[in-house]
C-alpha cells in the first residue's frame, strides 16, 4: 500500500503522511477505518517503528486520525473534509505561480492546457 522512496529528500514520515492524505482523497481509506499498527507497518515497510509513530502523531495533530486506546488508530470522520480544505489553500500558490508565468511570457493558453491535462488524467500527475 504505502510506497516509500528512501532516496528522496522528503523525509519518510512525510511521505507516509502525504500518501495517507492521497489514500483518503481517493477513497482507499474511509472514515472510521483502522490503520495498520505501528509495528505491523514498520515491518511491512522495513523501517524504524519510530518513523511510523512520527507519521501517525502528525496525522493525529492534523485531526486526520484518532486513537482509541487498546483498539488502534482510525481515520477520523472529518479527515477528507480537512484534507480538501487544506488543498484548497494551495490555490494561493497557484495564483503566485500564474503571476510568475505571466511575467515570464507564458501564454494563458499554455497554462490552461497544462491544467486541463492534469484534470483529464485519472492517475497521479507528473
Protein backbone atom coordinates (compact mmCIF):
# COMPACT_ATOMS: atom_id res chain seq x y z
CA UNK A 1 0.00 0.00 0.00
CA UNK A 2 2.47 2.67 1.12
CA UNK A 3 5.44 3.03 -1.21
CA UNK A 4 8.47 4.87 0.07
CA UNK A 5 11.39 6.40 -1.77
CA UNK A 6 14.31 6.14 0.63
CA UNK A 7 16.46 8.15 -1.79
CA UNK A 8 14.04 11.09 -1.74
CA UNK A 9 14.85 14.34 0.02
CA UNK A 10 11.37 14.17 1.54
CA UNK A 11 11.55 12.53 4.98
CA UNK A 12 9.95 9.09 5.15
CA UNK A 13 7.37 10.14 7.75
CA UNK A 14 6.25 13.00 5.46
CA UNK A 15 5.93 10.54 2.56
CA UNK A 16 3.65 8.41 4.74
CA UNK A 17 1.53 11.43 5.71
CA UNK A 18 1.26 12.55 2.09
CA UNK A 19 0.29 9.09 0.87
CA UNK A 20 -2.26 8.76 3.68
CA UNK A 21 -3.89 12.00 2.52
CA UNK A 22 -3.96 10.76 -1.07
CA UNK A 23 -5.48 7.44 0.04
CA UNK A 24 -8.24 9.29 1.91
CA UNK A 25 -9.00 11.51 -1.10
CA UNK A 26 -9.08 8.50 -3.43
CA UNK A 27 -11.37 6.58 -1.07
CA UNK A 28 -8.81 3.88 -0.30
CA UNK A 29 -9.05 4.81 3.41
CA UNK A 30 -12.59 5.54 4.58
CA UNK A 31 -13.73 7.40 7.68
CA UNK A 32 -13.59 5.12 10.69
CA UNK A 33 -11.24 2.64 9.04
CA UNK A 34 -8.49 1.20 11.21
CA UNK A 35 -4.92 1.93 10.13
CA UNK A 36 -2.17 -0.69 10.25
CA UNK A 37 -0.43 -0.93 13.61
CA UNK A 38 2.86 0.89 14.06
CA UNK A 39 4.72 -2.38 14.46
CA UNK A 40 2.97 -4.06 11.53
CA UNK A 41 3.55 -1.18 9.15
CA UNK A 42 7.17 -0.80 10.22
CA UNK A 43 7.76 -4.47 9.46
CA UNK A 44 5.93 -4.23 6.12
CA UNK A 45 7.94 -1.18 5.05
CA UNK A 46 11.18 -2.31 6.74
CA UNK A 47 11.61 0.98 8.58
CA UNK A 48 12.01 2.02 12.19
CA UNK A 49 8.75 1.98 14.19
CA UNK A 50 9.62 5.47 15.49
CA UNK A 51 9.24 6.76 11.92
CA UNK A 52 5.74 5.30 11.67
CA UNK A 53 4.92 6.70 15.10
CA UNK A 54 6.08 10.15 14.00
CA UNK A 55 3.84 9.99 10.91
CA UNK A 56 0.87 8.81 12.97
CA UNK A 57 1.43 11.60 15.51
CA UNK A 58 1.46 14.15 12.69
CA UNK A 59 -1.79 12.72 11.29
CA UNK A 60 -3.33 12.94 14.76
CA UNK A 61 -2.07 16.52 15.21
CA UNK A 62 -3.79 17.49 11.96
CA UNK A 63 -7.02 15.85 13.09
CA UNK A 64 -6.90 13.25 10.34
CA UNK A 65 -6.81 10.26 12.68
CA UNK A 66 -7.97 9.44 16.16
CA UNK A 67 -6.50 6.93 18.57
CA UNK A 68 -8.65 4.56 20.59
CA UNK A 69 -6.62 3.05 23.45
CA UNK A 70 -6.38 -0.71 23.11
CA UNK A 71 -8.10 -0.69 19.71
CA UNK A 72 -5.81 1.22 17.36
CA UNK A 73 -5.66 4.29 15.20
CA UNK A 74 -8.60 5.16 12.96
CA UNK A 75 -9.29 7.59 10.12
CA UNK A 76 -11.24 10.49 11.60
CA UNK A 77 -14.74 11.29 10.41
CA UNK A 78 -13.59 14.70 9.12
CA UNK A 79 -10.32 13.58 7.51
CA UNK A 80 -11.48 14.01 3.92
CA UNK A 81 -13.03 17.41 4.65
CA UNK A 82 -9.87 18.64 6.42
CA UNK A 83 -7.61 17.47 3.60
CA UNK A 84 -9.80 19.10 0.97
CA UNK A 85 -9.81 22.38 2.91
CA UNK A 86 -6.01 22.26 3.15
CA UNK A 87 -5.69 21.56 -0.57
CA UNK A 88 -7.95 24.48 -1.43
CA UNK A 89 -5.44 26.64 0.44
CA UNK A 90 -2.94 25.76 -2.27
CA UNK A 91 -4.85 27.99 -4.69
CA UNK A 92 -2.76 30.90 -3.36
CA UNK A 93 0.36 29.07 -4.55
CA UNK A 94 -1.21 28.56 -7.96
CA UNK A 95 -2.07 32.25 -8.16
CA UNK A 96 1.53 33.18 -7.34
CA UNK A 97 2.87 30.71 -9.91
CA UNK A 98 0.44 32.02 -12.53
CA UNK A 99 1.66 35.58 -11.92
CA UNK A 100 5.28 34.41 -12.37
CA UNK A 101 4.39 32.53 -15.57
CA UNK A 102 2.59 35.58 -16.95
CA UNK A 103 5.60 37.74 -16.17
CA UNK A 104 7.85 35.22 -17.94
CA UNK A 105 5.71 35.44 -21.08
CA UNK A 106 3.97 32.07 -20.84
CA UNK A 107 0.63 32.29 -22.62
CA UNK A 108 -2.69 31.78 -20.89
CA UNK A 109 -3.41 29.03 -23.42
CA UNK A 110 -0.28 27.08 -22.33
CA UNK A 111 -1.24 27.39 -18.68
CA UNK A 112 -4.83 26.31 -19.31
CA UNK A 113 -3.68 23.39 -21.48
CA UNK A 114 -1.41 22.24 -18.66
CA UNK A 115 -4.16 22.47 -16.06
CA UNK A 116 -6.61 20.73 -18.41
CA UNK A 117 -4.17 17.87 -18.94
CA UNK A 118 -3.99 17.31 -15.18
CA UNK A 119 -7.79 17.31 -14.86
CA UNK A 120 -8.14 14.79 -17.68
CA UNK A 121 -5.70 12.31 -16.13
CA UNK A 122 -7.09 9.66 -13.81
CA UNK A 123 -3.79 8.85 -12.16
CA UNK A 124 -1.37 11.00 -10.21
CA UNK A 125 0.14 13.78 -12.30
CA UNK A 126 3.84 14.26 -13.04
